[in-house]
Amino acid sequence: MDNIQKEIDKIIENFDLLMYYDKEKLDNEIVYNNGLEHGKKEGIREIAKNMLLKNFDVSYISEITGLTLEEINSLKENKEL
């Protein structure tokens, strides 16, 4: 009976470790993916800024970058160029 209990305890311990590892891995993936998304958005904003500096039409910038006209005008108004 003691052997069975020891085996059960080992399984529970391993399961707890696995659950902790999976949560850590998931948390890391979420942070990584959020960082990628943020970087992508910043890159698109930089492209839009460069296009504004080259006097591209705002509607064309919107079409190319996927930014809204409001977002592009905000870049212009905030003098982020």
C-alpha atoms as a PDB file:
ATOM      1  CA  MET A   1       0.000   0.000   0.000  1.00  0.00           C
ATOM      2  CA  ASP A   2       2.869   2.366   0.778  1.00  0.00           C
ATOM      3  CA  ASN A   3       4.291   1.833  -2.712  1.00  0.00           C
ATOM      4  CA  ILE A   4       0.977   2.750  -4.306  1.00  0.00           C
ATOM      5  CA  GLN A   5       0.751   5.913  -2.221  1.00  0.00           C
ATOM      6  CA  LYS A   6       4.310   6.866  -3.175  1.00  0.00           C
ATOM      7  CA  GLU A   7       3.483   6.389  -6.852  1.00  0.00           C
ATOM      8  CA  ILE A   8       0.340   8.504  -6.478  1.00  0.00           C
ATOM      9  CA  ASP A   9       2.342  11.220  -4.710  1.00  0.00           C
ATOM     10  CA  LYS A  10       4.932  11.173  -7.541  1.00  0.00           C
ATOM     11  CA  ILE A  11       2.221  11.483 -10.186  1.00  0.00           C
ATOM     12  CA  ILE A  12       0.619  14.402  -8.355  1.00  0.00           C
ATOM     13  CA  GLU A  13       3.984  16.126  -7.929  1.00  0.00           C
ATOM     14  CA  ASN A  14       4.839  15.647 -11.604  1.00  0.00           C
ATOM     15  CA  PHE A  15       1.419  16.897 -12.623  1.00  0.00           C
ATOM     16  CA  ASP A  16       1.844  20.030 -10.490  1.00  0.00           C
ATOM     17  CA  LEU A  17       5.251  20.671 -12.059  1.00  0.00           C
ATOM     18  CA  LEU A  18       3.828  20.157 -15.530  1.00  0.00           C
ATOM     19  CA  MET A  19       0.954  22.556 -14.860  1.00  0.00           C
ATOM     20  CA  TYR A  20       3.407  25.170 -13.543  1.00  0.00           C
ATOM     21  CA  TYR A  21       5.658  24.721 -16.573  1.00  0.00           C
ATOM     22  CA  ASP A  22       2.750  24.987 -18.999  1.00  0.00           C
ATOM     23  CA  LYS A  23       1.512  28.174 -17.301  1.00  0.00           C
ATOM     24  CA  GLU A  24       4.999  29.699 -17.425  1.00  0.00           C
ATOM     25  CA  LYS A  25       5.367  28.723 -21.074  1.00  0.00           C
ATOM     26  CA  LEU A  26       1.955  30.166 -21.913  1.00  0.00           C
ATOM     27  CA  ASP A  27       2.735  33.409 -20.043  1.00  0.00           C
ATOM     28  CA  ASN A  28       6.027  33.737 -21.935  1.00  0.00           C
ATOM     29  CA  GLU A  29       4.308  33.139 -25.271  1.00  0.00           C
ATOM     30  CA  ILE A  30       1.701  35.796 -24.484  1.00  0.00           C
ATOM     31  CA  VAL A  31       4.385  38.341 -23.590  1.00  0.00           C
ATOM     32  CA  TYR A  32       6.363  37.457 -26.727  1.00  0.00           C
ATOM     33  CA  ASN A  33       3.325  37.730 -28.999  1.00  0.00           C
ATOM     34  CA  ASN A  34       2.309  41.049 -27.435  1.00  0.00           C
ATOM     35  CA  GLY A  35       5.816  42.353 -28.065  1.00  0.00           C
ATOM     36  CA  LEU A  36       5.681  41.245 -31.678  1.00  0.00           C
ATOM     37  CA  GLU A  37       2.320  42.918 -32.201  1.00  0.00           C
ATOM     38  CA  HIS A  38       3.529  46.138 -30.587  1.00  0.00           C
ATOM     39  CA  GLY A  39       6.664  46.130 -32.755  1.00  0.00           C
ATOM     40  CA  LYS A  40       4.612  45.537 -35.884  1.00  0.00           C
ATOM     41  CA  LYS A  41       2.330  48.476 -35.069  1.00  0.00           C
ATOM     42  CA  GLU A  42       5.285  50.748 -34.380  1.00  0.00           C
ATOM     43  CA  GLY A  43       6.857  49.733 -37.684  1.00  0.00           C
ATOM     44  CA  ILE A  44       3.669  50.569 -39.555  1.00  0.00           C
ATOM     45  CA  ARG A  45       3.494  53.947 -37.832  1.00  0.00           C
ATOM     46  CA  GLU A  46       7.109  54.642 -38.862  1.00  0.00           C
ATOM     47  CA  ILE A  47       6.277  53.785 -42.467  1.00  0.00           C
ATOM     48  CA  ALA A  48       3.290  56.134 -42.338  1.00  0.00           C
ATOM     49  CA  LYS A  49       5.457  58.910 -40.880  1.00  0.00           C
ATOM     50  CA  ASN A  50       8.003  58.471 -43.659  1.00  0.00           C
ATOM     51  CA  MET A  51       5.251  58.530 -46.262  1.00  0.00           C
ATOM     52  CA  LEU A  52       3.893  61.755 -44.751  1.00  0.00           C
ATOM     53  CA  LEU A  53       7.369  63.283 -44.923  1.00  0.00           C
ATOM     54  CA  LYS A  54       7.427  62.402 -48.628  1.00  0.00           C
ATOM     55  CA  ASN A  55       4.029  64.099 -49.035  1.00  0.00           C
ATOM     56  CA  PHE A  56       2.068  60.979 -49.927  1.00  0.00           C
ATOM     57  CA  ASP A  57      -1.692  61.390 -49.926  1.00  0.00           C
ATOM     58  CA  VAL A  58      -3.258  60.487 -46.574  1.00  0.00           C
ATOM     59  CA  SER A  59      -5.819  58.168 -48.163  1.00  0.00           C
ATOM     60  CA  TYR A  60      -3.018  56.352 -50.009  1.00  0.00           C
ATOM     61  CA  ILE A  61      -1.072  55.957 -46.760  1.00  0.00           C
ATOM     62  CA  SER A  62      -4.185  54.525 -45.160  1.00  0.00           C
ATOM     63  CA  GLU A  63      -4.642  52.060 -48.001  1.00  0.00           C
ATOM     64  CA  ILE A  64      -1.020  50.885 -47.840  1.00  0.00           C
ATOM     65  CA  THR A  65      -0.571  50.724 -44.051  1.00  0.00           C
ATOM     66  CA  GLY A  66      -4.065  49.831 -42.902  1.00  0.00           C
ATOM     67  CA  LEU A  67      -4.062  52.783 -40.502  1.00  0.00           C
ATOM     68  CA  THR A  68      -7.238  54.812 -40.311  1.00  0.00           C
ATOM     69  CA  LEU A  69      -7.332  58.364 -41.627  1.00  0.00           C
ATOM     70  CA  GLU A  70      -7.775  59.462 -38.018  1.00  0.00           C
ATOM     71  CA  GLU A  71      -4.595  57.644 -36.947  1.00  0.00           C
ATOM     72  CA  ILE A  72      -2.617  59.189 -39.801  1.00  0.00           C
ATOM     73  CA  ASN A  73      -3.957  62.668 -39.127  1.00  0.00           C
ATOM     74  CA  SER A  74      -3.062  62.172 -35.485  1.00  0.00           C
ATOM     75  CA  LEU A  75       0.529  61.503 -36.533  1.00  0.00           C
ATOM     76  CA  LYS A  76       0.514  64.770 -38.451  1.00  0.00           C
ATOM     77  CA  GLU A  77      -1.211  66.811 -35.738  1.00  0.00           C
ATOM     78  CA  ASN A  78       0.965  65.519 -32.928  1.00  0.00           C
ATOM     79  CA  LYS A  79       4.000  66.568 -34.917  1.00  0.00           C
ATOM     80  CA  GLU A  80       5.450  63.096 -34.473  1.00  0.00           C
ATOM     81  CA  LEU A  81       7.243  63.482 -37.773  1.00  0.00           C
END
